[in-house]
Each structure stands twice: as structure tokens, then as C-alpha cells.
């Protein structure tokens, strides 16, 4: 199973969409609310150079935003 993390906020509509997409695909993920965790926010800034969310990390691969095609490819899902 792939290690999946979603860095986002509760107020971000694209964060909600990506989490729902992963749930619909039965993909387990760590849900990280960067609005509540300053250290995790700093973690994504260091990894991406930006503060925008969502940031999806799949086995070390960083995907910025809800890029369905890249997520499907990184997870090895049939589209």
C-alpha cells in the first residue's frame, strides 16, 4: 500500500474534493490540517516552496493541487 498524505485546510474546497476522491477510491491517507499544525505547514513549504494547498504526497512524490491525472498515475489506479 502506498503512503499517502494530504496537507490541506478545512476551508479549502479543493482539499475536500481530493480527500473525497481518495475515499471513493478506497485509498487510505493521512489527513493533515496545516491550519492547526504550524510544523506541518512548514514541512510543505520546505518540500514545495509554497504555502498553497492541497499538497498530496504519495510515496514521496509531491502533487500540488487536485490534479486527478497525476494522483491516479501516482497511485497506479485505472482511470
PDB file of N, CA and C in Angstrom:
ATOM      1  N   UNK A   1       0.849  -1.188   0.000  1.00  0.00           N
ATOM      2  CA  UNK A   1       0.000   0.000   0.000  1.00  0.00           C
ATOM      3  C   UNK A   1       0.886   1.239   0.000  1.00  0.00           C
ATOM      4  N   UNK A   2       0.468   2.231  -0.750  1.00  0.00           N
ATOM      5  CA  UNK A   2       1.224   3.483  -0.860  1.00  0.00           C
ATOM      6  C   UNK A   2       1.005   4.342   0.386  1.00  0.00           C
ATOM      7  N   UNK A   3       2.035   5.122   0.720  1.00  0.00           N
ATOM      8  CA  UNK A   3       1.954   6.063   1.831  1.00  0.00           C
ATOM      9  C   UNK A   3       1.440   7.389   1.264  1.00  0.00           C
ATOM     10  N   UNK A   4       0.220   7.775   1.661  1.00  0.00           N
ATOM     11  CA  UNK A   4      -0.434   8.959   1.105  1.00  0.00           C
ATOM     12  C   UNK A   4      -0.711   9.958   2.220  1.00  0.00           C
ATOM     13  N   UNK A   5      -0.297  11.209   1.977  1.00  0.00           N
ATOM     14  CA  UNK A   5      -0.583  12.299   2.911  1.00  0.00           C
ATOM     15  C   UNK A   5      -1.272  13.413   2.145  1.00  0.00           C
ATOM     16  N   UNK A   6      -2.282  14.001   2.764  1.00  0.00           N
ATOM     17  CA  UNK A   6      -2.948  15.162   2.182  1.00  0.00           C
ATOM     18  C   UNK A   6      -2.785  16.320   3.165  1.00  0.00           C
ATOM     19  N   UNK A   7      -2.053  17.335   2.720  1.00  0.00           N
ATOM     20  CA  UNK A   7      -1.867  18.548   3.501  1.00  0.00           C
ATOM     21  C   UNK A   7      -2.912  19.545   3.004  1.00  0.00           C
ATOM     22  N   UNK A   8      -3.752  20.027   3.913  1.00  0.00           N
ATOM     23  CA  UNK A   8      -4.791  20.952   3.494  1.00  0.00           C
ATOM     24  C   UNK A   8      -5.378  21.693   4.678  1.00  0.00           C
ATOM     25  N   UNK A   9      -6.525  22.327   4.424  1.00  0.00           N
ATOM     26  CA  UNK A   9      -7.275  23.012   5.475  1.00  0.00           C
ATOM     27  C   UNK A   9      -8.744  22.642   5.323  1.00  0.00           C
ATOM     28  N   UNK A  10      -9.489  22.835   6.381  1.00  0.00           N
ATOM     29  CA  UNK A  10     -10.920  22.541   6.340  1.00  0.00           C
ATOM     30  C   UNK A  10     -11.671  23.499   5.427  1.00  0.00           C
ATOM     31  N   UNK A  11     -11.153  24.719   5.251  1.00  0.00           N
ATOM     32  CA  UNK A  11     -11.831  25.743   4.455  1.00  0.00           C
ATOM     33  C   UNK A  11     -11.525  25.648   2.960  1.00  0.00           C
ATOM     34  N   UNK A  12     -10.625  24.763   2.578  1.00  0.00           N
ATOM     35  CA  UNK A  12     -10.178  24.662   1.184  1.00  0.00           C
ATOM     36  C   UNK A  12     -11.078  23.690   0.411  1.00  0.00           C
ATOM     37  N   UNK A  13     -11.839  24.191  -0.579  1.00  0.00           N
ATOM     38  CA  UNK A  13     -12.742  23.295  -1.316  1.00  0.00           C
ATOM     39  C   UNK A  13     -12.010  22.228  -2.116  1.00  0.00           C
ATOM     40  N   UNK A  14     -10.819  22.526  -2.635  1.00  0.00           N
ATOM     41  CA  UNK A  14     -10.077  21.515  -3.383  1.00  0.00           C
ATOM     42  C   UNK A  14      -9.504  20.441  -2.463  1.00  0.00           C
ATOM     43  N   UNK A  15      -9.229  20.806  -1.219  1.00  0.00           N
ATOM     44  CA  UNK A  15      -8.779  19.826  -0.229  1.00  0.00           C
ATOM     45  C   UNK A  15      -9.900  18.829   0.049  1.00  0.00           C
ATOM     46  N   UNK A  16     -11.104  19.351   0.207  1.00  0.00           N
ATOM     47  CA  UNK A  16     -12.274  18.499   0.445  1.00  0.00           C
ATOM     48  C   UNK A  16     -12.471  17.554  -0.742  1.00  0.00           C
ATOM     49  N   UNK A  17     -12.330  18.081  -1.965  1.00  0.00           N
ATOM     50  CA  UNK A  17     -12.528  17.265  -3.172  1.00  0.00           C
ATOM     51  C   UNK A  17     -11.485  16.159  -3.280  1.00  0.00           C
ATOM     52  N   UNK A  18     -10.227  16.479  -3.019  1.00  0.00           N
ATOM     53  CA  UNK A  18      -9.188  15.453  -3.143  1.00  0.00           C
ATOM     54  C   UNK A  18      -9.383  14.363  -2.084  1.00  0.00           C
ATOM     55  N   UNK A  19      -9.771  14.742  -0.875  1.00  0.00           N
ATOM     56  CA  UNK A  19      -9.995  13.741   0.174  1.00  0.00           C
ATOM     57  C   UNK A  19     -11.179  12.851  -0.179  1.00  0.00           C
ATOM     58  N   UNK A  20     -12.231  13.427  -0.735  1.00  0.00           N
ATOM     59  CA  UNK A  20     -13.384  12.630  -1.145  1.00  0.00           C
ATOM     60  C   UNK A  20     -13.007  11.689  -2.283  1.00  0.00           C
ATOM     61  N   UNK A  21     -12.212  12.178  -3.226  1.00  0.00           N
ATOM     62  CA  UNK A  21     -11.746  11.342  -4.334  1.00  0.00           C
ATOM     63  C   UNK A  21     -10.975  10.137  -3.800  1.00  0.00           C
ATOM     64  N   UNK A  22     -10.051  10.371  -2.867  1.00  0.00           N
ATOM     65  CA  UNK A  22      -9.271   9.272  -2.304  1.00  0.00           C
ATOM     66  C   UNK A  22     -10.160   8.280  -1.564  1.00  0.00           C
ATOM     67  N   UNK A  23     -11.129   8.793  -0.814  1.00  0.00           N
ATOM     68  CA  UNK A  23     -12.073   7.909  -0.115  1.00  0.00           C
ATOM     69  C   UNK A  23     -12.870   7.075  -1.113  1.00  0.00           C
ATOM     70  N   UNK A  24     -13.317   7.706  -2.199  1.00  0.00           N
ATOM     71  CA  UNK A  24     -14.082   6.992  -3.230  1.00  0.00           C
ATOM     72  C   UNK A  24     -13.257   5.884  -3.879  1.00  0.00           C
ATOM     73  N   UNK A  25     -11.933   6.068  -3.917  1.00  0.00           N
ATOM     74  CA  UNK A  25     -11.035   5.073  -4.500  1.00  0.00           C
ATOM     75  C   UNK A  25     -10.536   4.068  -3.445  1.00  0.00           C
ATOM     76  N   UNK A  26     -11.050   4.181  -2.223  1.00  0.00           N
ATOM     77  CA  UNK A  26     -10.635   3.314  -1.111  1.00  0.00           C
ATOM     78  C   UNK A  26      -9.128   3.407  -0.834  1.00  0.00           C
ATOM     79  N   UNK A  27      -8.612   4.637  -0.911  1.00  0.00           N
ATOM     80  CA  UNK A  27      -7.196   4.889  -0.636  1.00  0.00           C
ATOM     81  C   UNK A  27      -7.085   5.470   0.764  1.00  0.00           C
ATOM     82  N   UNK A  28      -6.341   4.783   1.619  1.00  0.00           N
ATOM     83  CA  UNK A  28      -6.098   5.293   2.970  1.00  0.00           C
ATOM     84  C   UNK A  28      -5.089   6.433   2.883  1.00  0.00           C
ATOM     85  N   UNK A  29      -5.315   7.478   3.675  1.00  0.00           N
ATOM     86  CA  UNK A  29      -4.406   8.622   3.654  1.00  0.00           C
ATOM     87  C   UNK A  29      -4.367   9.283   5.018  1.00  0.00           C
ATOM     88  N   UNK A  30      -3.258   9.989   5.253  1.00  0.00           N
ATOM     89  CA  UNK A  30      -3.115  10.794   6.466  1.00  0.00           C
ATOM     90  C   UNK A  30      -3.624  12.190   6.128  1.00  0.00           C
ATOM     91  N   UNK A  31      -4.599  12.652   6.883  1.00  0.00           N
ATOM     92  CA  UNK A  31      -5.218  13.966   6.674  1.00  0.00           C
ATOM     93  C   UNK A  31      -4.537  14.967   7.605  1.00  0.00           C
ATOM     94  N   UNK A  32      -3.798  15.908   7.040  1.00  0.00           N
ATOM     95  CA  UNK A  32      -3.010  16.853   7.830  1.00  0.00           C
ATOM     96  C   UNK A  32      -3.577  18.256   7.643  1.00  0.00           C
ATOM     97  N   UNK A  33      -4.136  18.804   8.706  1.00  0.00           N
ATOM     98  CA  UNK A  33      -4.709  20.155   8.682  1.00  0.00           C
ATOM     99  C   UNK A  33      -3.605  21.152   9.026  1.00  0.00           C
ATOM    100  N   UNK A  34      -3.056  21.787   7.997  1.00  0.00           N
ATOM    101  CA  UNK A  34      -1.936  22.704   8.220  1.00  0.00           C
ATOM    102  C   UNK A  34      -2.356  23.996   8.906  1.00  0.00           C
ATOM    103  N   UNK A  35      -3.649  24.274   8.946  1.00  0.00           N
ATOM    104  CA  UNK A  35      -4.125  25.450   9.677  1.00  0.00           C
ATOM    105  C   UNK A  35      -3.996  25.235  11.183  1.00  0.00           C
ATOM    106  N   UNK A  36      -3.983  23.977  11.601  1.00  0.00           N
ATOM    107  CA  UNK A  36      -3.895  23.647  13.028  1.00  0.00           C
ATOM    108  C   UNK A  36      -2.499  23.194  13.454  1.00  0.00           C
ATOM    109  N   UNK A  37      -1.606  22.949  12.485  1.00  0.00           N
ATOM    110  CA  UNK A  37      -0.298  22.381  12.798  1.00  0.00           C
ATOM    111  C   UNK A  37       0.794  23.163  12.068  1.00  0.00           C
ATOM    112  N   UNK A  38       1.372  24.123  12.759  1.00  0.00           N
ATOM    113  CA  UNK A  38       2.388  25.010  12.184  1.00  0.00           C
ATOM    114  C   UNK A  38       3.608  24.233  11.680  1.00  0.00           C
ATOM    115  N   UNK A  39       4.007  23.190  12.395  1.00  0.00           N
ATOM    116  CA  UNK A  39       5.177  22.407  11.984  1.00  0.00           C
ATOM    117  C   UNK A  39       4.917  21.703  10.651  1.00  0.00           C
ATOM    118  N   UNK A  40       3.708  21.190  10.471  1.00  0.00           N
ATOM    119  CA  UNK A  40       3.372  20.502   9.212  1.00  0.00           C
ATOM    120  C   UNK A  40       3.246  21.502   8.062  1.00  0.00           C
ATOM    121  N   UNK A  41       2.775  22.722   8.359  1.00  0.00           N
ATOM    122  CA  UNK A  41       2.739  23.770   7.348  1.00  0.00           C
ATOM    123  C   UNK A  41       4.159  24.071   6.875  1.00  0.00           C
ATOM    124  N   UNK A  42       5.076  24.201   7.816  1.00  0.00           N
ATOM    125  CA  UNK A  42       6.476  24.453   7.475  1.00  0.00           C
ATOM    126  C   UNK A  42       7.043  23.302   6.649  1.00  0.00           C
ATOM    127  N   UNK A  43       6.602  22.094   6.951  1.00  0.00           N
ATOM    128  CA  UNK A  43       7.052  20.901   6.213  1.00  0.00           C
ATOM    129  C   UNK A  43       6.695  21.013   4.722  1.00  0.00           C
ATOM    130  N   UNK A  44       5.460  21.430   4.410  1.00  0.00           N
ATOM    131  CA  UNK A  44       5.097  21.528   2.993  1.00  0.00           C
ATOM    132  C   UNK A  44       5.773  22.718   2.320  1.00  0.00           C
ATOM    133  N   UNK A  45       6.002  23.790   3.069  1.00  0.00           N
ATOM    134  CA  UNK A  45       6.721  24.934   2.496  1.00  0.00           C
ATOM    135  C   UNK A  45       8.138  24.501   2.109  1.00  0.00           C
ATOM    136  N   UNK A  46       8.787  23.721   2.968  1.00  0.00           N
ATOM    137  CA  UNK A  46      10.132  23.237   2.672  1.00  0.00           C
ATOM    138  C   UNK A  46      10.128  22.287   1.479  1.00  0.00           C
ATOM    139  N   UNK A  47       9.107  21.455   1.366  1.00  0.00           N
ATOM    140  CA  UNK A  47       9.044  20.473   0.275  1.00  0.00           C
ATOM    141  C   UNK A  47       8.660  21.103  -1.064  1.00  0.00           C
ATOM    142  N   UNK A  48       7.809  22.151  -1.022  1.00  0.00           N
ATOM    143  CA  UNK A  48       7.259  22.690  -2.268  1.00  0.00           C
ATOM    144  C   UNK A  48       7.679  24.123  -2.573  1.00  0.00           C
ATOM    145  N   UNK A  49       8.134  24.855  -1.561  1.00  0.00           N
ATOM    146  CA  UNK A  49       8.473  26.252  -1.766  1.00  0.00           C
ATOM    147  C   UNK A  49       7.259  27.163  -1.805  1.00  0.00           C
ATOM    148  N   UNK A  50       6.109  26.658  -1.421  1.00  0.00           N
ATOM    149  CA  UNK A  50       4.889  27.469  -1.428  1.00  0.00           C
ATOM    150  C   UNK A  50       3.999  27.086  -0.252  1.00  0.00           C
ATOM    151  N   UNK A  51       2.959  27.912  -0.032  1.00  0.00           N
ATOM    152  CA  UNK A  51       2.042  27.656   1.074  1.00  0.00           C
ATOM    153  C   UNK A  51       0.657  27.230   0.593  1.00  0.00           C
ATOM    154  N   UNK A  52       0.482  27.051  -0.709  1.00  0.00           N
ATOM    155  CA  UNK A  52      -0.816  26.670  -1.246  1.00  0.00           C
ATOM    156  C   UNK A  52      -1.187  25.236  -0.908  1.00  0.00           C
ATOM    157  N   UNK A  53      -2.466  24.992  -0.753  1.00  0.00           N
ATOM    158  CA  UNK A  53      -2.985  23.652  -0.502  1.00  0.00           C
ATOM    159  C   UNK A  53      -4.089  23.360  -1.513  1.00  0.00           C
ATOM    160  N   UNK A  54      -4.400  22.120  -1.771  1.00  0.00           N
ATOM    161  CA  UNK A  54      -3.831  20.925  -1.156  1.00  0.00           C
ATOM    162  C   UNK A  54      -2.475  20.552  -1.753  1.00  0.00           C
ATOM    163  N   UNK A  55      -1.700  19.884  -0.917  1.00  0.00           N
ATOM    164  CA  UNK A  55      -0.478  19.232  -1.352  1.00  0.00           C
ATOM    165  C   UNK A  55      -0.659  17.762  -1.011  1.00  0.00           C
ATOM    166  N   UNK A  56      -0.497  16.924  -2.023  1.00  0.00           N
ATOM    167  CA  UNK A  56      -0.647  15.490  -1.838  1.00  0.00           C
ATOM    168  C   UNK A  56       0.736  14.872  -1.976  1.00  0.00           C
ATOM    169  N   UNK A  57       1.096  14.028  -1.031  1.00  0.00           N
ATOM    170  CA  UNK A  57       2.369  13.322  -1.091  1.00  0.00           C
ATOM    171  C   UNK A  57       2.071  11.830  -1.168  1.00  0.00           C
ATOM    172  N   UNK A  58       2.543  11.206  -2.246  1.00  0.00           N
ATOM    173  CA  UNK A  58       2.315   9.781  -2.450  1.00  0.00           C
ATOM    174  C   UNK A  58       3.680   9.116  -2.593  1.00  0.00           C
ATOM    175  N   UNK A  59       4.066   8.365  -1.569  1.00  0.00           N
ATOM    176  CA  UNK A  59       5.381   7.705  -1.541  1.00  0.00           C
ATOM    177  C   UNK A  59       6.505   8.669  -1.914  1.00  0.00           C
ATOM    178  N   UNK A  60       6.448   9.880  -1.355  1.00  0.00           N
ATOM    179  CA  UNK A  60       7.499  10.861  -1.569  1.00  0.00           C
ATOM    180  C   UNK A  60       7.298  11.743  -2.791  1.00  0.00           C
ATOM    181  N   UNK A  61       6.364  11.389  -3.673  1.00  0.00           N
ATOM    182  CA  UNK A  61       6.074  12.222  -4.847  1.00  0.00           C
ATOM    183  C   UNK A  61       5.096  13.313  -4.443  1.00  0.00           C
ATOM    184  N   UNK A  62       5.431  14.559  -4.753  1.00  0.00           N
ATOM    185  CA  UNK A  62       4.610  15.704  -4.383  1.00  0.00           C
ATOM    186  C   UNK A  62       3.707  16.095  -5.549  1.00  0.00           C
ATOM    187  N   UNK A  63       2.427  16.241  -5.269  1.00  0.00           N
ATOM    188  CA  UNK A  63       1.461  16.730  -6.245  1.00  0.00           C
ATOM    189  C   UNK A  63       0.803  17.955  -5.637  1.00  0.00           C
ATOM    190  N   UNK A  64       0.876  19.068  -6.347  1.00  0.00           N
ATOM    191  CA  UNK A  64       0.308  20.314  -5.841  1.00  0.00           C
ATOM    192  C   UNK A  64      -1.047  20.528  -6.495  1.00  0.00           C
ATOM    193  N   UNK A  65      -2.059  20.731  -5.667  1.00  0.00           N
ATOM    194  CA  UNK A  65      -3.414  20.920  -6.170  1.00  0.00           C
ATOM    195  C   UNK A  65      -4.091  19.594  -6.462  1.00  0.00           C
ATOM    196  N   UNK A  66      -5.377  19.657  -6.776  1.00  0.00           N
ATOM    197  CA  UNK A  66      -6.137  18.455  -7.085  1.00  0.00           C
ATOM    198  C   UNK A  66      -5.966  18.136  -8.566  1.00  0.00           C
ATOM    199  N   UNK A  67      -4.830  17.505  -8.880  1.00  0.00           N
ATOM    200  CA  UNK A  67      -4.526  17.088 -10.248  1.00  0.00           C
ATOM    201  C   UNK A  67      -4.882  15.607 -10.348  1.00  0.00           C
ATOM    202  N   UNK A  68      -6.122  15.362 -10.740  1.00  0.00           N
ATOM    203  CA  UNK A  68      -6.661  13.996 -10.746  1.00  0.00           C
ATOM    204  C   UNK A  68      -5.778  13.031 -11.539  1.00  0.00           C
ATOM    205  N   UNK A  69      -5.329  13.452 -12.710  1.00  0.00           N
ATOM    206  CA  UNK A  69      -4.497  12.596 -13.551  1.00  0.00           C
ATOM    207  C   UNK A  69      -3.202  12.186 -12.874  1.00  0.00           C
ATOM    208  N   UNK A  70      -2.533  13.138 -12.252  1.00  0.00           N
ATOM    209  CA  UNK A  70      -1.280  12.834 -11.559  1.00  0.00           C
ATOM    210  C   UNK A  70      -1.516  11.938 -10.351  1.00  0.00           C
ATOM    211  N   UNK A  71      -2.613  12.163  -9.641  1.00  0.00           N
ATOM    212  CA  UNK A  71      -2.935  11.344  -8.471  1.00  0.00           C
ATOM    213  C   UNK A  71      -3.207   9.906  -8.907  1.00  0.00           C
ATOM    214  N   UNK A  72      -4.018   9.749  -9.948  1.00  0.00           N
ATOM    215  CA  UNK A  72      -4.335   8.413 -10.467  1.00  0.00           C
ATOM    216  C   UNK A  72      -3.048   7.693 -10.885  1.00  0.00           C
ATOM    217  N   UNK A  73      -2.166   8.409 -11.592  1.00  0.00           N
ATOM    218  CA  UNK A  73      -0.926   7.821 -12.049  1.00  0.00           C
ATOM    219  C   UNK A  73      -0.023   7.432 -10.875  1.00  0.00           C
ATOM    220  N   UNK A  74       0.115   8.320  -9.899  1.00  0.00           N
ATOM    221  CA  UNK A  74       0.995   8.054  -8.747  1.00  0.00           C
ATOM    222  C   UNK A  74       0.489   6.881  -7.917  1.00  0.00           C
ATOM    223  N   UNK A  75      -0.832   6.707  -7.883  1.00  0.00           N
ATOM    224  CA  UNK A  75      -1.415   5.609  -7.118  1.00  0.00           C
ATOM    225  C   UNK A  75      -1.485   4.312  -7.917  1.00  0.00           C
ATOM    226  N   UNK A  76      -1.283   4.409  -9.235  1.00  0.00           N
ATOM    227  CA  UNK A  76      -1.396   3.226 -10.082  1.00  0.00           C
ATOM    228  C   UNK A  76      -2.828   2.760 -10.254  1.00  0.00           C
ATOM    229  N   UNK A  77      -3.766   3.712 -10.244  1.00  0.00           N
ATOM    230  CA  UNK A  77      -5.182   3.383 -10.391  1.00  0.00           C
ATOM    231  C   UNK A  77      -5.576   3.381 -11.864  1.00  0.00           C
ATOM    232  N   UNK A  78      -6.598   2.617 -12.176  1.00  0.00           N
ATOM    233  CA  UNK A  78      -7.173   2.678 -13.529  1.00  0.00           C
ATOM    234  C   UNK A  78      -8.052   3.934 -13.591  1.00  0.00           C
ATOM    235  N   UNK A  79      -7.879   4.696 -14.632  1.00  0.00           N
ATOM    236  CA  UNK A  79      -8.655   5.939 -14.738  1.00  0.00           C
ATOM    237  C   UNK A  79      -9.943   5.703 -15.493  1.00  0.00           C
TER     238      UNK A  79
END
